[in-house]
Amino acid sequence: MKDVSEAAPDEAPQAPPAPEAGSWHVPRLIIAWALAVVFGVLVILLVPEPERARWLVLAIGASAIVTFFLQLGTAQREGFITRTSFSVAGSVLIIAVIDAVSLLVR
């Protein structure tokens, strides 16, 4: 692949190739989100209310670490940051919804 500085003066720089349709690795996103559901539900069921906020933060951190390793395991550089941030944001949203539902149900 030519660098822009190496291109001939009459050549236009080439855009990087578009990511493939399967580059999002949807099964890995689903696994990360499923683990966020498991972590969130376990915290709601097993942790007493005064300590629940700390454990929910721990669940979000654990989900982020799991997401990082799942996405790192793809060995695909293109879109890594986007996939990882999308997955972590989804995990945070899932755990927040679980907490909100638990507050409404009690």
Protein backbone atom coordinates (compact mmCIF):
# COMPACT_ATOMS: atom_id res chain seq x y z
CA MET A 1 0.00 0.00 0.00
CA LYS A 2 1.45 3.35 -1.00
CA ASP A 3 1.74 6.16 1.45
CA VAL A 4 0.37 9.54 0.34
CA SER A 5 3.89 10.98 0.40
CA GLU A 6 5.09 8.19 -1.94
CA ALA A 7 2.34 8.74 -4.53
CA ALA A 8 3.32 10.14 -7.88
CA PRO A 9 2.30 13.78 -8.38
CA ASP A 10 -0.33 12.84 -10.99
CA GLU A 11 -1.86 10.04 -8.86
CA ALA A 12 -4.71 10.74 -6.47
CA PRO A 13 -4.31 9.15 -3.04
CA GLN A 14 -6.38 5.99 -2.62
CA ALA A 15 -8.98 5.78 0.15
CA PRO A 16 -8.62 2.84 2.53
CA PRO A 17 -10.84 -0.12 1.67
CA ALA A 18 -14.30 -0.14 3.23
CA PRO A 19 -14.82 -2.63 6.04
CA GLU A 20 -16.44 -5.91 5.09
CA ALA A 21 -20.07 -6.56 5.95
CA GLY A 22 -19.10 -9.16 8.57
CA SER A 23 -16.50 -6.95 10.24
CA TRP A 24 -18.79 -6.07 13.13
CA HIS A 25 -18.53 -9.60 14.53
CA VAL A 26 -22.12 -9.59 15.76
CA PRO A 27 -21.77 -12.85 17.72
CA ARG A 28 -19.04 -11.25 19.83
CA LEU A 29 -21.28 -8.25 20.50
CA ILE A 30 -24.10 -10.57 21.56
CA ILE A 31 -21.77 -12.52 23.86
CA ALA A 32 -20.57 -9.30 25.53
CA TRP A 33 -24.13 -8.03 25.97
CA ALA A 34 -25.34 -11.40 27.27
CA LEU A 35 -22.58 -11.33 29.89
CA ALA A 36 -23.65 -7.80 30.84
CA VAL A 37 -27.18 -9.13 31.37
CA VAL A 38 -25.84 -11.99 33.52
CA PHE A 39 -23.62 -9.64 35.56
CA GLY A 40 -26.44 -7.12 36.06
CA VAL A 41 -29.02 -9.72 37.08
CA LEU A 42 -26.59 -11.42 39.47
CA VAL A 43 -25.81 -8.11 41.16
CA ILE A 44 -29.50 -7.26 41.51
CA LEU A 45 -30.32 -10.68 42.94
CA LEU A 46 -27.33 -11.28 45.20
CA VAL A 47 -26.14 -7.90 46.49
CA PRO A 48 -27.98 -5.96 49.22
CA GLU A 49 -29.20 -2.53 48.20
CA PRO A 50 -26.66 -0.35 50.06
CA GLU A 51 -23.77 -2.04 48.21
CA ARG A 52 -25.53 -2.43 44.85
CA ALA A 53 -24.14 0.70 43.15
CA ARG A 54 -20.53 -0.36 43.75
CA TRP A 55 -21.18 -3.82 42.38
CA LEU A 56 -22.98 -2.45 39.33
CA VAL A 57 -19.90 -0.34 38.56
CA LEU A 58 -17.80 -3.48 38.95
CA ALA A 59 -20.16 -5.31 36.57
CA ILE A 60 -19.73 -2.54 34.00
CA GLY A 61 -15.95 -2.73 34.36
CA ALA A 62 -15.97 -6.51 33.99
CA SER A 63 -18.17 -6.19 30.89
CA ALA A 64 -15.75 -3.67 29.40
CA ILE A 65 -12.78 -5.97 29.99
CA VAL A 66 -14.62 -8.95 28.49
CA THR A 67 -15.61 -6.81 25.50
CA PHE A 68 -12.03 -5.68 25.00
CA PHE A 69 -10.73 -9.24 24.93
CA LEU A 70 -13.55 -10.47 22.68
CA GLN A 71 -12.86 -7.73 20.16
CA LEU A 72 -9.10 -8.14 20.48
CA GLY A 73 -9.57 -11.82 19.68
CA THR A 74 -10.86 -10.96 16.21
CA ALA A 75 -7.34 -9.90 15.18
CA GLN A 76 -8.94 -7.32 12.89
CA ARG A 77 -7.60 -3.79 13.22
CA GLU A 78 -10.20 -2.00 11.12
CA GLY A 79 -13.08 -0.78 13.25
CA PHE A 80 -11.66 -2.04 16.55
CA ILE A 81 -12.33 1.19 18.44
CA THR A 82 -15.83 1.51 16.97
CA ARG A 83 -16.76 -2.10 17.74
CA THR A 84 -15.34 -1.92 21.25
CA SER A 85 -17.01 1.39 22.13
CA PHE A 86 -20.33 0.23 20.68
CA SER A 87 -20.16 -2.96 22.69
CA VAL A 88 -19.18 -1.21 25.95
CA ALA A 89 -21.92 1.40 25.46
CA GLY A 90 -24.43 -1.40 24.94
CA SER A 91 -23.25 -3.16 28.09
CA VAL A 92 -23.58 0.05 30.13
CA LEU A 93 -27.06 0.63 28.74
CA ILE A 94 -28.11 -2.96 29.50
CA ILE A 95 -26.90 -2.77 33.10
CA ALA A 96 -28.56 0.65 33.55
CA VAL A 97 -31.88 -0.72 32.28
CA ILE A 98 -31.61 -3.73 34.60
CA ASP A 99 -30.97 -1.41 37.54
CA ALA A 100 -33.85 0.88 36.58
CA VAL A 101 -36.24 -2.05 36.26
CA SER A 102 -35.12 -3.38 39.65
CA LEU A 103 -35.84 0.03 41.22
CA LEU A 104 -39.33 0.09 39.70
CA VAL A 105 -40.15 -3.48 40.72
CA ARG A 106 -39.26 -3.32 44.41
